Amino acid sequence: MITKNLFLQGVFPFEGAGLEKPVPIHRELAHFVPDGIINQTLYFRGGNSTSELITAVLMRDGAPMRYFPIGAKSDVHVPLRVVEDIEGGSVIEVFLLAADGVTGYVVIDLGMVEH
C-alpha cells in the first residue's frame, strides 16, 4: 500500500461573515479526493490573530464534518488520528465562522494521509 501525506495549510486574511454560516477561507484550503483513494485526517492546528473567538470548520462535500474553535489571540492543536475514512470523489475544505466584521488572520494546518 502506497501512502501519501497531504497538507492544507497557510496563513490567510479573513473578514467575518457571521457565526451561523461557514464561509470558504481560500481556494488553497480545498482538496478533491481522487476516486479509488481513501483519505484520513490526522490532525488540525490553527491560530487566530484577532481578539474574538473564531471557528475553523472542516467540510466534506459541503457539509460540516468537524468544528475547531480557536480562542482570541490563541492557537489549537487537535490530533484526530483517523476517526473515519473519507471516500474518493469527496471534496474536503476548510471554512471559517467569525462574527460579522471581525478581520484578522487565521493560520491553518490540516494534516491528512491518502492510500
PDB file of N, CA and C in Angstrom:
ATOM      1  N   MET A   1       0.833  -1.170   0.000  1.00  0.00           N
ATOM      2  CA  MET A   1       0.000   0.000   0.000  1.00  0.00           C
ATOM      3  C   MET A   1       0.891   1.252   0.000  1.00  0.00           C
ATOM      4  N   ILE A   2       0.673   2.130  -0.932  1.00  0.00           N
ATOM      5  CA  ILE A   2       1.415   3.387  -1.004  1.00  0.00           C
ATOM      6  C   ILE A   2       0.601   4.467  -0.301  1.00  0.00           C
ATOM      7  N   THR A   3       1.246   5.197   0.594  1.00  0.00           N
ATOM      8  CA  THR A   3       0.558   6.292   1.272  1.00  0.00           C
ATOM      9  C   THR A   3       1.165   7.616   0.845  1.00  0.00           C
ATOM     10  N   LYS A   4       0.336   8.641   0.903  1.00  0.00           N
ATOM     11  CA  LYS A   4       0.765   9.982   0.508  1.00  0.00           C
ATOM     12  C   LYS A   4       0.297  10.960   1.582  1.00  0.00           C
ATOM     13  N   ASN A   5       1.229  11.737   2.091  1.00  0.00           N
ATOM     14  CA  ASN A   5       0.876  12.770   3.063  1.00  0.00           C
ATOM     15  C   ASN A   5       0.419  14.027   2.341  1.00  0.00           C
ATOM     16  N   LEU A   6      -0.621  14.639   2.841  1.00  0.00           N
ATOM     17  CA  LEU A   6      -1.158  15.869   2.248  1.00  0.00           C
ATOM     18  C   LEU A   6      -1.387  16.899   3.345  1.00  0.00           C
ATOM     19  N   PHE A   7      -1.261  18.173   2.980  1.00  0.00           N
ATOM     20  CA  PHE A   7      -1.462  19.242   3.940  1.00  0.00           C
ATOM     21  C   PHE A   7      -2.259  20.370   3.290  1.00  0.00           C
ATOM     22  N   LEU A   8      -3.255  20.846   3.985  1.00  0.00           N
ATOM     23  CA  LEU A   8      -3.921  22.093   3.611  1.00  0.00           C
ATOM     24  C   LEU A   8      -3.429  23.093   4.640  1.00  0.00           C
ATOM     25  N   GLN A   9      -2.647  24.083   4.205  1.00  0.00           N
ATOM     26  CA  GLN A   9      -2.030  24.941   5.196  1.00  0.00           C
ATOM     27  C   GLN A   9      -1.691  26.314   4.639  1.00  0.00           C
ATOM     28  N   GLY A  10      -1.530  27.257   5.558  1.00  0.00           N
ATOM     29  CA  GLY A  10      -1.138  28.607   5.198  1.00  0.00           C
ATOM     30  C   GLY A  10      -1.679  29.610   6.200  1.00  0.00           C
ATOM     31  N   VAL A  11      -1.352  30.867   5.946  1.00  0.00           N
ATOM     32  CA  VAL A  11      -1.844  31.986   6.748  1.00  0.00           C
ATOM     33  C   VAL A  11      -2.725  32.821   5.831  1.00  0.00           C
ATOM     34  N   PHE A  12      -3.955  33.062   6.253  1.00  0.00           N
ATOM     35  CA  PHE A  12      -4.928  33.688   5.372  1.00  0.00           C
ATOM     36  C   PHE A  12      -5.654  34.841   6.071  1.00  0.00           C
ATOM     37  N   PRO A  13      -5.801  35.976   5.389  1.00  0.00           N
ATOM     38  CA  PRO A  13      -6.622  37.051   5.941  1.00  0.00           C
ATOM     39  C   PRO A  13      -8.098  36.674   5.803  1.00  0.00           C
ATOM     40  N   PHE A  14      -8.913  37.208   6.691  1.00  0.00           N
ATOM     41  CA  PHE A  14     -10.350  36.940   6.578  1.00  0.00           C
ATOM     42  C   PHE A  14     -11.139  38.118   7.130  1.00  0.00           C
ATOM     43  N   GLU A  15     -12.412  38.159   6.746  1.00  0.00           N
ATOM     44  CA  GLU A  15     -13.373  39.078   7.339  1.00  0.00           C
ATOM     45  C   GLU A  15     -14.584  38.262   7.722  1.00  0.00           C
ATOM     46  N   GLY A  16     -14.980  38.326   8.976  1.00  0.00           N
ATOM     47  CA  GLY A  16     -16.097  37.538   9.469  1.00  0.00           C
ATOM     48  C   GLY A  16     -17.396  37.864   8.755  1.00  0.00           C
ATOM     49  N   ALA A  17     -18.200  36.828   8.525  1.00  0.00           N
ATOM     50  CA  ALA A  17     -19.483  36.996   7.851  1.00  0.00           C
ATOM     51  C   ALA A  17     -20.636  36.492   8.700  1.00  0.00           C
ATOM     52  N   GLY A  18     -20.356  36.209   9.987  1.00  0.00           N
ATOM     53  CA  GLY A  18     -21.414  35.719  10.860  1.00  0.00           C
ATOM     54  C   GLY A  18     -21.040  34.382  11.480  1.00  0.00           C
ATOM     55  N   LEU A  19     -21.680  34.088  12.609  1.00  0.00           N
ATOM     56  CA  LEU A  19     -21.337  32.866  13.342  1.00  0.00           C
ATOM     57  C   LEU A  19     -22.227  31.675  12.999  1.00  0.00           C
ATOM     58  N   GLU A  20     -23.153  31.870  12.066  1.00  0.00           N
ATOM     59  CA  GLU A  20     -24.086  30.785  11.764  1.00  0.00           C
ATOM     60  C   GLU A  20     -23.850  30.102  10.431  1.00  0.00           C
ATOM     61  N   LYS A  21     -23.086  30.747   9.541  1.00  0.00           N
ATOM     62  CA  LYS A  21     -22.902  30.150   8.217  1.00  0.00           C
ATOM     63  C   LYS A  21     -21.413  30.089   7.882  1.00  0.00           C
ATOM     64  N   PRO A  22     -20.840  28.871   7.806  1.00  0.00           N
ATOM     65  CA  PRO A  22     -19.434  28.757   7.438  1.00  0.00           C
ATOM     66  C   PRO A  22     -19.186  29.268   6.008  1.00  0.00           C
ATOM     67  N   VAL A  23     -18.054  30.008   5.851  1.00  0.00           N
ATOM     68  CA  VAL A  23     -17.693  30.526   4.533  1.00  0.00           C
ATOM     69  C   VAL A  23     -16.272  30.068   4.186  1.00  0.00           C
ATOM     70  N   PRO A  24     -15.996  29.893   2.886  1.00  0.00           N
ATOM     71  CA  PRO A  24     -14.644  29.476   2.489  1.00  0.00           C
ATOM     72  C   PRO A  24     -13.615  30.524   2.897  1.00  0.00           C
ATOM     73  N   ILE A  25     -12.411  30.064   3.241  1.00  0.00           N
ATOM     74  CA  ILE A  25     -11.323  30.963   3.604  1.00  0.00           C
ATOM     75  C   ILE A  25     -10.493  31.293   2.374  1.00  0.00           C
ATOM     76  N   HIS A  26     -10.085  30.257   1.649  1.00  0.00           N
ATOM     77  CA  HIS A  26      -9.227  30.434   0.468  1.00  0.00           C
ATOM     78  C   HIS A  26      -9.304  29.158  -0.364  1.00  0.00           C
ATOM     79  N   ARG A  27      -9.161  29.295  -1.664  1.00  0.00           N
ATOM     80  CA  ARG A  27      -9.265  28.120  -2.534  1.00  0.00           C
ATOM     81  C   ARG A  27      -8.145  27.101  -2.294  1.00  0.00           C
ATOM     82  N   GLU A  28      -7.042  27.527  -1.691  1.00  0.00           N
ATOM     83  CA  GLU A  28      -5.956  26.584  -1.370  1.00  0.00           C
ATOM     84  C   GLU A  28      -6.343  25.624  -0.249  1.00  0.00           C
ATOM     85  N   LEU A  29      -7.431  25.909   0.431  1.00  0.00           N
ATOM     86  CA  LEU A  29      -7.868  25.053   1.531  1.00  0.00           C
ATOM     87  C   LEU A  29      -8.973  24.107   1.087  1.00  0.00           C
ATOM     88  N   ALA A  30      -8.847  23.609  -0.143  1.00  0.00           N
ATOM     89  CA  ALA A  30      -9.792  22.624  -0.673  1.00  0.00           C
ATOM     90  C   ALA A  30      -9.004  21.502  -1.334  1.00  0.00           C
ATOM     91  N   HIS A  31      -9.540  20.286  -1.208  1.00  0.00           N
ATOM     92  CA  HIS A  31      -8.864  19.125  -1.797  1.00  0.00           C
ATOM     93  C   HIS A  31      -9.917  18.142  -2.284  1.00  0.00           C
ATOM     94  N   PHE A  32      -9.750  17.662  -3.529  1.00  0.00           N
ATOM     95  CA  PHE A  32     -10.612  16.627  -4.094  1.00  0.00           C
ATOM     96  C   PHE A  32      -9.933  15.282  -3.894  1.00  0.00           C
ATOM     97  N   VAL A  33     -10.591  14.353  -3.219  1.00  0.00           N
ATOM     98  CA  VAL A  33     -10.050  13.014  -3.004  1.00  0.00           C
ATOM     99  C   VAL A  33     -10.311  12.207  -4.275  1.00  0.00           C
ATOM    100  N   PRO A  34      -9.231  11.749  -4.939  1.00  0.00           N
ATOM    101  CA  PRO A  34      -9.424  11.017  -6.195  1.00  0.00           C
ATOM    102  C   PRO A  34     -10.223   9.730  -5.989  1.00  0.00           C
ATOM    103  N   ASP A  35     -10.932   9.310  -7.037  1.00  0.00           N
ATOM    104  CA  ASP A  35     -11.674   8.046  -6.980  1.00  0.00           C
ATOM    105  C   ASP A  35     -10.718   6.893  -6.688  1.00  0.00           C
ATOM    106  N   GLY A  36     -11.154   5.950  -5.889  1.00  0.00           N
ATOM    107  CA  GLY A  36     -10.359   4.778  -5.552  1.00  0.00           C
ATOM    108  C   GLY A  36      -9.360   5.013  -4.434  1.00  0.00           C
ATOM    109  N   ILE A  37      -9.372   6.192  -3.860  1.00  0.00           N
ATOM    110  CA  ILE A  37      -8.441   6.564  -2.783  1.00  0.00           C
ATOM    111  C   ILE A  37      -9.230   6.782  -1.493  1.00  0.00           C
ATOM    112  N   ILE A  38      -8.605   6.419  -0.376  1.00  0.00           N
ATOM    113  CA  ILE A  38      -9.177   6.704   0.946  1.00  0.00           C
ATOM    114  C   ILE A  38      -8.345   7.811   1.586  1.00  0.00           C
ATOM    115  N   ASN A  39      -9.010   8.836   2.087  1.00  0.00           N
ATOM    116  CA  ASN A  39      -8.361   9.950   2.768  1.00  0.00           C
ATOM    117  C   ASN A  39      -8.711   9.871   4.251  1.00  0.00           C
ATOM    118  N   GLN A  40      -7.719  10.171   5.075  1.00  0.00           N
ATOM    119  CA  GLN A  40      -7.961  10.222   6.520  1.00  0.00           C
ATOM    120  C   GLN A  40      -7.295  11.471   7.078  1.00  0.00           C
ATOM    121  N   THR A  41      -8.027  12.211   7.875  1.00  0.00           N
ATOM    122  CA  THR A  41      -7.455  13.411   8.506  1.00  0.00           C
ATOM    123  C   THR A  41      -6.715  12.987   9.773  1.00  0.00           C
ATOM    124  N   LEU A  42      -5.516  13.535   9.955  1.00  0.00           N
ATOM    125  CA  LEU A  42      -4.677  13.131  11.083  1.00  0.00           C
ATOM    126  C   LEU A  42      -4.645  14.160  12.198  1.00  0.00           C
ATOM    127  N   TYR A  43      -4.626  15.442  11.830  1.00  0.00           N
ATOM    128  CA  TYR A  43      -4.579  16.473  12.864  1.00  0.00           C
ATOM    129  C   TYR A  43      -5.035  17.805  12.289  1.00  0.00           C
ATOM    130  N   PHE A  44      -5.379  18.733  13.185  1.00  0.00           N
ATOM    131  CA  PHE A  44      -5.680  20.114  12.820  1.00  0.00           C
ATOM    132  C   PHE A  44      -4.942  21.028  13.778  1.00  0.00           C
ATOM    133  N   ARG A  45      -4.256  22.013  13.226  1.00  0.00           N
ATOM    134  CA  ARG A  45      -3.645  23.074  14.018  1.00  0.00           C
ATOM    135  C   ARG A  45      -4.160  24.391  13.468  1.00  0.00           C
ATOM    136  N   GLY A  46      -4.475  25.307  14.356  1.00  0.00           N
ATOM    137  CA  GLY A  46      -4.965  26.596  13.903  1.00  0.00           C
ATOM    138  C   GLY A  46      -4.534  27.707  14.827  1.00  0.00           C
ATOM    139  N   GLY A  47      -4.423  28.902  14.270  1.00  0.00           N
ATOM    140  CA  GLY A  47      -4.084  30.087  15.041  1.00  0.00           C
ATOM    141  C   GLY A  47      -4.994  31.233  14.644  1.00  0.00           C
ATOM    142  N   ASN A  48      -5.226  32.137  15.598  1.00  0.00           N
ATOM    143  CA  ASN A  48      -6.165  33.232  15.410  1.00  0.00           C
ATOM    144  C   ASN A  48      -5.520  34.533  15.876  1.00  0.00           C
ATOM    145  N   SER A  49      -5.412  35.527  14.992  1.00  0.00           N
ATOM    146  CA  SER A  49      -4.763  36.795  15.344  1.00  0.00           C
ATOM    147  C   SER A  49      -5.708  37.807  15.982  1.00  0.00           C
ATOM    148  N   THR A  50      -7.003  37.516  16.002  1.00  0.00           N
ATOM    149  CA  THR A  50      -7.976  38.516  16.451  1.00  0.00           C
ATOM    150  C   THR A  50      -8.256  38.421  17.951  1.00  0.00           C
ATOM    151  N   SER A  51      -8.970  39.394  18.457  1.00  0.00           N
ATOM    152  CA  SER A  51      -9.365  39.386  19.870  1.00  0.00           C
ATOM    153  C   SER A  51     -10.753  38.784  20.067  1.00  0.00           C
ATOM    154  N   GLU A  52     -11.227  38.032  19.052  1.00  0.00           N
ATOM    155  CA  GLU A  52     -12.534  37.371  19.111  1.00  0.00           C
ATOM    156  C   GLU A  52     -12.365  35.875  18.841  1.00  0.00           C
ATOM    157  N   LEU A  53     -13.292  35.077  19.363  1.00  0.00           N
ATOM    158  CA  LEU A  53     -13.321  33.657  19.051  1.00  0.00           C
ATOM    159  C   LEU A  53     -13.660  33.468  17.575  1.00  0.00           C
ATOM    160  N   ILE A  54     -12.955  32.564  16.905  1.00  0.00           N
ATOM    161  CA  ILE A  54     -13.305  32.151  15.556  1.00  0.00           C
ATOM    162  C   ILE A  54     -13.373  30.626  15.547  1.00  0.00           C
ATOM    163  N   THR A  55     -13.955  30.068  14.490  1.00  0.00           N
ATOM    164  CA  THR A  55     -14.047  28.614  14.394  1.00  0.00           C
ATOM    165  C   THR A  55     -13.736  28.177  12.970  1.00  0.00           C
ATOM    166  N   ALA A  56     -12.739  27.290  12.848  1.00  0.00           N
ATOM    167  CA  ALA A  56     -12.472  26.653  11.558  1.00  0.00           C
ATOM    168  C   ALA A  56     -13.404  25.450  11.445  1.00  0.00           C
ATOM    169  N   VAL A  57     -13.951  25.239  10.261  1.00  0.00           N
ATOM    170  CA  VAL A  57     -14.906  24.153  10.053  1.00  0.00           C
ATOM    171  C   VAL A  57     -14.397  23.266   8.925  1.00  0.00           C
ATOM    172  N   LEU A  58     -14.164  21.991   9.237  1.00  0.00           N
ATOM    173  CA  LEU A  58     -13.785  21.025   8.208  1.00  0.00           C
ATOM    174  C   LEU A  58     -15.057  20.567   7.514  1.00  0.00           C
ATOM    175  N   MET A  59     -15.115  20.768   6.210  1.00  0.00           N
ATOM    176  CA  MET A  59     -16.311  20.441   5.428  1.00  0.00           C
ATOM    177  C   MET A  59     -16.015  19.241   4.531  1.00  0.00           C
ATOM    178  N   ARG A  60     -17.002  18.388   4.368  1.00  0.00           N
ATOM    179  CA  ARG A  60     -16.921  17.296   3.390  1.00  0.00           C
ATOM    180  C   ARG A  60     -18.144  17.386   2.494  1.00  0.00           C
ATOM    181  N   ASP A  61     -17.898  17.584   1.218  1.00  0.00           N
ATOM    182  CA  ASP A  61     -18.971  17.711   0.229  1.00  0.00           C
ATOM    183  C   ASP A  61     -20.003  18.756   0.637  1.00  0.00           C
ATOM    184  N   GLY A  62     -19.506  19.859   1.176  1.00  0.00           N
ATOM    185  CA  GLY A  62     -20.375  20.982   1.509  1.00  0.00           C
ATOM    186  C   GLY A  62     -21.083  20.898   2.843  1.00  0.00           C
ATOM    187  N   ALA A  63     -20.843  19.824   3.605  1.00  0.00           N
ATOM    188  CA  ALA A  63     -21.487  19.665   4.910  1.00  0.00           C
ATOM    189  C   ALA A  63     -20.419  19.703   6.008  1.00  0.00           C
ATOM    190  N   PRO A  64     -20.714  20.366   7.134  1.00  0.00           N
ATOM    191  CA  PRO A  64     -19.743  20.396   8.233  1.00  0.00           C
ATOM    192  C   PRO A  64     -19.433  18.989   8.755  1.00  0.00           C
ATOM    193  N   MET A  65     -18.141  18.743   8.963  1.00  0.00           N
ATOM    194  CA  MET A  65     -17.685  17.444   9.452  1.00  0.00           C
ATOM    195  C   MET A  65     -17.113  17.568  10.871  1.00  0.00           C
ATOM    196  N   ARG A  66     -16.316  18.639  11.120  1.00  0.00           N
ATOM    197  CA  ARG A  66     -15.733  18.904  12.423  1.00  0.00           C
ATOM    198  C   ARG A  66     -15.625  20.413  12.620  1.00  0.00           C
ATOM    199  N   TYR A  67     -15.795  20.867  13.878  1.00  0.00           N
ATOM    200  CA  TYR A  67     -15.628  22.271  14.237  1.00  0.00           C
ATOM    201  C   TYR A  67     -14.396  22.396  15.135  1.00  0.00           C
ATOM    202  N   PHE A  68     -13.563  23.415  14.864  1.00  0.00           N
ATOM    203  CA  PHE A  68     -12.354  23.655  15.657  1.00  0.00           C
ATOM    204  C   PHE A  68     -12.378  25.100  16.152  1.00  0.00           C
ATOM    205  N   PRO A  69     -12.939  25.346  17.345  1.00  0.00           N
ATOM    206  CA  PRO A  69     -12.933  26.705  17.892  1.00  0.00           C
ATOM    207  C   PRO A  69     -11.501  27.118  18.226  1.00  0.00           C
ATOM    208  N   ILE A  70     -11.161  28.385  17.906  1.00  0.00           N
ATOM    209  CA  ILE A  70      -9.833  28.925  18.196  1.00  0.00           C
ATOM    210  C   ILE A  70     -10.054  30.216  18.977  1.00  0.00           C
ATOM    211  N   GLY A  71      -9.549  30.235  20.219  1.00  0.00           N
ATOM    212  CA  GLY A  71      -9.742  31.379  21.091  1.00  0.00           C
ATOM    213  C   GLY A  71      -9.062  32.634  20.573  1.00  0.00           C
ATOM    214  N   ALA A  72      -9.417  33.766  21.208  1.00  0.00           N
ATOM    215  CA  ALA A  72      -8.842  35.057  20.843  1.00  0.00           C
ATOM    216  C   ALA A  72      -7.331  35.037  21.015  1.00  0.00           C
ATOM    217  N   LYS A  73      -6.633  35.488  19.995  1.00  0.00           N
ATOM    218  CA  LYS A  73      -5.167  35.545  20.004  1.00  0.00           C
ATOM    219  C   LYS A  73      -4.578  34.254  20.566  1.00  0.00           C
ATOM    220  N   SER A  74      -5.048  33.155  20.009  1.00  0.00           N
ATOM    221  CA  SER A  74      -4.663  31.849  20.541  1.00  0.00           C
ATOM    222  C   SER A  74      -4.454  30.845  19.413  1.00  0.00           C
ATOM    223  N   ASP A  75      -4.172  29.619  19.828  1.00  0.00           N
ATOM    224  CA  ASP A  75      -3.978  28.537  18.879  1.00  0.00           C
ATOM    225  C   ASP A  75      -4.574  27.255  19.436  1.00  0.00           C
ATOM    226  N   VAL A  76      -4.691  26.253  18.555  1.00  0.00           N
ATOM    227  CA  VAL A  76      -5.251  24.970  18.955  1.00  0.00           C
ATOM    228  C   VAL A  76      -4.557  23.874  18.159  1.00  0.00           C
ATOM    229  N   HIS A  77      -4.388  22.727  18.795  1.00  0.00           N
ATOM    230  CA  HIS A  77      -3.875  21.532  18.119  1.00  0.00           C
ATOM    231  C   HIS A  77      -4.799  20.384  18.490  1.00  0.00           C
ATOM    232  N   VAL A  78      -5.407  19.774  17.474  1.00  0.00           N
ATOM    233  CA  VAL A  78      -6.351  18.692  17.700  1.00  0.00           C
ATOM    234  C   VAL A  78      -5.872  17.461  16.953  1.00  0.00           C
ATOM    235  N   PRO A  79      -5.351  16.452  17.667  1.00  0.00           N
ATOM    236  CA  PRO A  79      -4.993  15.210  16.978  1.00  0.00           C
ATOM    237  C   PRO A  79      -6.267  14.423  16.687  1.00  0.00           C
ATOM    238  N   LEU A  80      -6.529  14.129  15.443  1.00  0.00           N
ATOM    239  CA  LEU A  80      -7.757  13.428  15.070  1.00  0.00           C
ATOM    240  C   LEU A  80      -7.520  11.932  14.936  1.00  0.00           C
ATOM    241  N   ARG A  81      -6.357  11.577  14.638  1.00  0.00           N
ATOM    242  CA  ARG A  81      -5.878  10.214  14.407  1.00  0.00           C
ATOM    243  C   ARG A  81      -6.961   9.247  13.939  1.00  0.00           C
ATOM    244  N   VAL A  82      -7.302   9.411  12.719  1.00  0.00           N
ATOM    245  CA  VAL A  82      -8.159   8.507  11.965  1.00  0.00           C
ATOM    246  C   VAL A  82      -9.417   8.074  12.698  1.00  0.00           C
ATOM    247  N   VAL A  83     -10.404   8.882  12.613  1.00  0.00           N
ATOM    248  CA  VAL A  83     -11.681   8.516  13.195  1.00  0.00           C
ATOM    249  C   VAL A  83     -12.663   8.026  12.138  1.00  0.00           C
ATOM    250  N   GLU A  84     -12.391   8.355  10.882  1.00  0.00           N
ATOM    251  CA  GLU A  84     -13.244   7.853   9.815  1.00  0.00           C
ATOM    252  C   GLU A  84     -12.553   8.018   8.468  1.00  0.00           C
ATOM    253  N   ASP A  85     -12.932   7.189   7.531  1.00  0.00           N
ATOM    254  CA  ASP A  85     -12.404   7.272   6.176  1.00  0.00           C
ATOM    255  C   ASP A  85     -13.229   8.252   5.362  1.00  0.00           C
ATOM    256  N   ILE A  86     -12.540   8.969   4.473  1.00  0.00           N
ATOM    257  CA  ILE A  86     -13.223   9.839   3.523  1.00  0.00           C
ATOM    258  C   ILE A  86     -13.016   9.208   2.157  1.00  0.00           C
ATOM    259  N   GLU A  87     -14.099   8.809   1.537  1.00  0.00           N
ATOM    260  CA  GLU A  87     -14.048   8.073   0.283  1.00  0.00           C
ATOM    261  C   GLU A  87     -13.653   8.956  -0.895  1.00  0.00           C
ATOM    262  N   GLY A  88     -13.068   8.320  -1.909  1.00  0.00           N
ATOM    263  CA  GLY A  88     -12.743   9.014  -3.144  1.00  0.00           C
ATOM    264  C   GLY A  88     -13.987   9.651  -3.746  1.00  0.00           C
ATOM    265  N   GLY A  89     -13.777  10.765  -4.420  1.00  0.00           N
ATOM    266  CA  GLY A  89     -14.884  11.511  -5.003  1.00  0.00           C
ATOM    267  C   GLY A  89     -15.409  12.601  -4.081  1.00  0.00           C
ATOM    268  N   SER A  90     -14.876  12.655  -2.858  1.00  0.00           N
ATOM    269  CA  SER A  90     -15.310  13.677  -1.897  1.00  0.00           C
ATOM    270  C   SER A  90     -14.447  14.929  -2.019  1.00  0.00           C
ATOM    271  N   VAL A  91     -15.010  16.051  -1.632  1.00  0.00           N
ATOM    272  CA  VAL A  91     -14.266  17.314  -1.573  1.00  0.00           C
ATOM    273  C   VAL A  91     -14.138  17.703  -0.108  1.00  0.00           C
ATOM    274  N   ILE A  92     -12.886  17.939   0.317  1.00  0.00           N
ATOM    275  CA  ILE A  92     -12.597  18.368   1.682  1.00  0.00           C
ATOM    276  C   ILE A  92     -12.206  19.840   1.620  1.00  0.00           C
ATOM    277  N   GLU A  93     -12.799  20.657   2.489  1.00  0.00           N
ATOM    278  CA  GLU A  93     -12.487  22.088   2.509  1.00  0.00           C
ATOM    279  C   GLU A  93     -12.464  22.572   3.954  1.00  0.00           C
ATOM    280  N   VAL A  94     -11.738  23.669   4.190  1.00  0.00           N
ATOM    281  CA  VAL A  94     -11.760  24.316   5.499  1.00  0.00           C
ATOM    282  C   VAL A  94     -12.449  25.667   5.338  1.00  0.00           C
ATOM    283  N   PHE A  95     -13.526  25.853   6.094  1.00  0.00           N
ATOM    284  CA  PHE A  95     -14.292  27.094   6.102  1.00  0.00           C
ATOM    285  C   PHE A  95     -14.072  27.797   7.437  1.00  0.00           C
ATOM    286  N   LEU A  96     -14.682  28.981   7.575  1.00  0.00           N
ATOM    287  CA  LEU A  96     -14.493  29.757   8.798  1.00  0.00           C
ATOM    288  C   LEU A  96     -15.813  30.348   9.283  1.00  0.00           C
ATOM    289  N   LEU A  97     -15.962  30.364  10.603  1.00  0.00           N
ATOM    290  CA  LEU A  97     -17.050  31.094  11.256  1.00  0.00           C
ATOM    291  C   LEU A  97     -16.411  32.194  12.087  1.00  0.00           C
ATOM    292  N   ALA A  98     -16.839  33.427  11.893  1.00  0.00           N
ATOM    293  CA  ALA A  98     -16.368  34.572  12.685  1.00  0.00           C
ATOM    294  C   ALA A  98     -17.478  35.607  12.696  1.00  0.00           C
ATOM    295  N   ALA A  99     -17.546  36.357  13.774  1.00  0.00           N
ATOM    296  CA  ALA A  99     -18.593  37.376  13.896  1.00  0.00           C
ATOM    297  C   ALA A  99     -18.497  38.383  12.751  1.00  0.00           C
ATOM    298  N   ASP A 100     -19.635  38.923  12.393  1.00  0.00           N
ATOM    299  CA  ASP A 100     -19.705  39.935  11.333  1.00  0.00           C
ATOM    300  C   ASP A 100     -18.704  41.058  11.571  1.00  0.00           C
ATOM    301  N   GLY A 101     -17.893  41.368  10.562  1.00  0.00           N
ATOM    302  CA  GLY A 101     -16.978  42.493  10.620  1.00  0.00           C
ATOM    303  C   GLY A 101     -15.644  42.236  11.298  1.00  0.00           C
ATOM    304  N   VAL A 102     -15.477  41.093  11.952  1.00  0.00           N
ATOM    305  CA  VAL A 102     -14.188  40.769  12.574  1.00  0.00           C
ATOM    306  C   VAL A 102     -13.178  40.485  11.465  1.00  0.00           C
ATOM    307  N   THR A 103     -12.038  41.168  11.506  1.00  0.00           N
ATOM    308  CA  THR A 103     -10.998  40.938  10.500  1.00  0.00           C
ATOM    309  C   THR A 103      -9.711  40.515  11.188  1.00  0.00           C
ATOM    310  N   GLY A 104      -8.939  39.728  10.487  1.00  0.00           N
ATOM    311  CA  GLY A 104      -7.667  39.271  11.032  1.00  0.00           C
ATOM    312  C   GLY A 104      -7.055  38.216  10.141  1.00  0.00           C
ATOM    313  N   TYR A 105      -6.173  37.442  10.756  1.00  0.00           N
ATOM    314  CA  TYR A 105      -5.508  36.352  10.043  1.00  0.00           C
ATOM    315  C   TYR A 105      -5.767  35.052  10.788  1.00  0.00           C
ATOM    316  N   VAL A 106      -5.919  33.986  10.003  1.00  0.00           N
ATOM    317  CA  VAL A 106      -6.072  32.654  10.569  1.00  0.00           C
ATOM    318  C   VAL A 106      -4.954  31.779  10.008  1.00  0.00           C
ATOM    319  N   VAL A 107      -4.358  30.988  10.900  1.00  0.00           N
ATOM    320  CA  VAL A 107      -3.340  30.017  10.499  1.00  0.00           C
ATOM    321  C   VAL A 107      -4.018  28.653  10.456  1.00  0.00           C
ATOM    322  N   ILE A 108      -3.879  27.976   9.331  1.00  0.00           N
ATOM    323  CA  ILE A 108      -4.490  26.660   9.158  1.00  0.00           C
ATOM    324  C   ILE A 108      -3.402  25.655   8.797  1.00  0.00           C
ATOM    325  N   ASP A 109      -3.439  24.508   9.460  1.00  0.00           N
ATOM    326  CA  ASP A 109      -2.549  23.390   9.126  1.00  0.00           C
ATOM    327  C   ASP A 109      -3.339  22.104   9.353  1.00  0.00           C
ATOM    328  N   LEU A 110      -3.863  21.537   8.275  1.00  0.00           N
ATOM    329  CA  LEU A 110      -4.639  20.294   8.338  1.00  0.00           C
ATOM    330  C   LEU A 110      -3.798  19.198   7.703  1.00  0.00           C
ATOM    331  N   GLY A 111      -3.447  18.196   8.510  1.00  0.00           N
ATOM    332  CA  GLY A 111      -2.644  17.082   8.012  1.00  0.00           C
ATOM    333  C   GLY A 111      -3.525  15.889   7.673  1.00  0.00           C
ATOM    334  N   MET A 112      -3.260  15.287   6.505  1.00  0.00           N
ATOM    335  CA  MET A 112      -4.055  14.153   6.050  1.00  0.00           C
ATOM    336  C   MET A 112      -3.122  13.108   5.445  1.00  0.00           C
ATOM    337  N   VAL A 113      -3.630  11.910   5.302  1.00  0.00           N
ATOM    338  CA  VAL A 113      -2.915  10.867   4.591  1.00  0.00           C
ATOM    339  C   VAL A 113      -3.901  10.203   3.640  1.00  0.00           C
ATOM    340  N   GLU A 114      -3.385   9.791   2.469  1.00  0.00           N
ATOM    341  CA  GLU A 114      -4.223   9.073   1.495  1.00  0.00           C
ATOM    342  C   GLU A 114      -3.546   7.764   1.130  1.00  0.00           C
ATOM    343  N   HIS A 115      -4.373   6.752   0.944  1.00  0.00           N
ATOM    344  CA  HIS A 115      -3.862   5.443   0.494  1.00  0.00           C
ATOM    345  C   HIS A 115      -4.875   4.756  -0.373  1.00  0.00           C
TER     346      HIS A 115
END
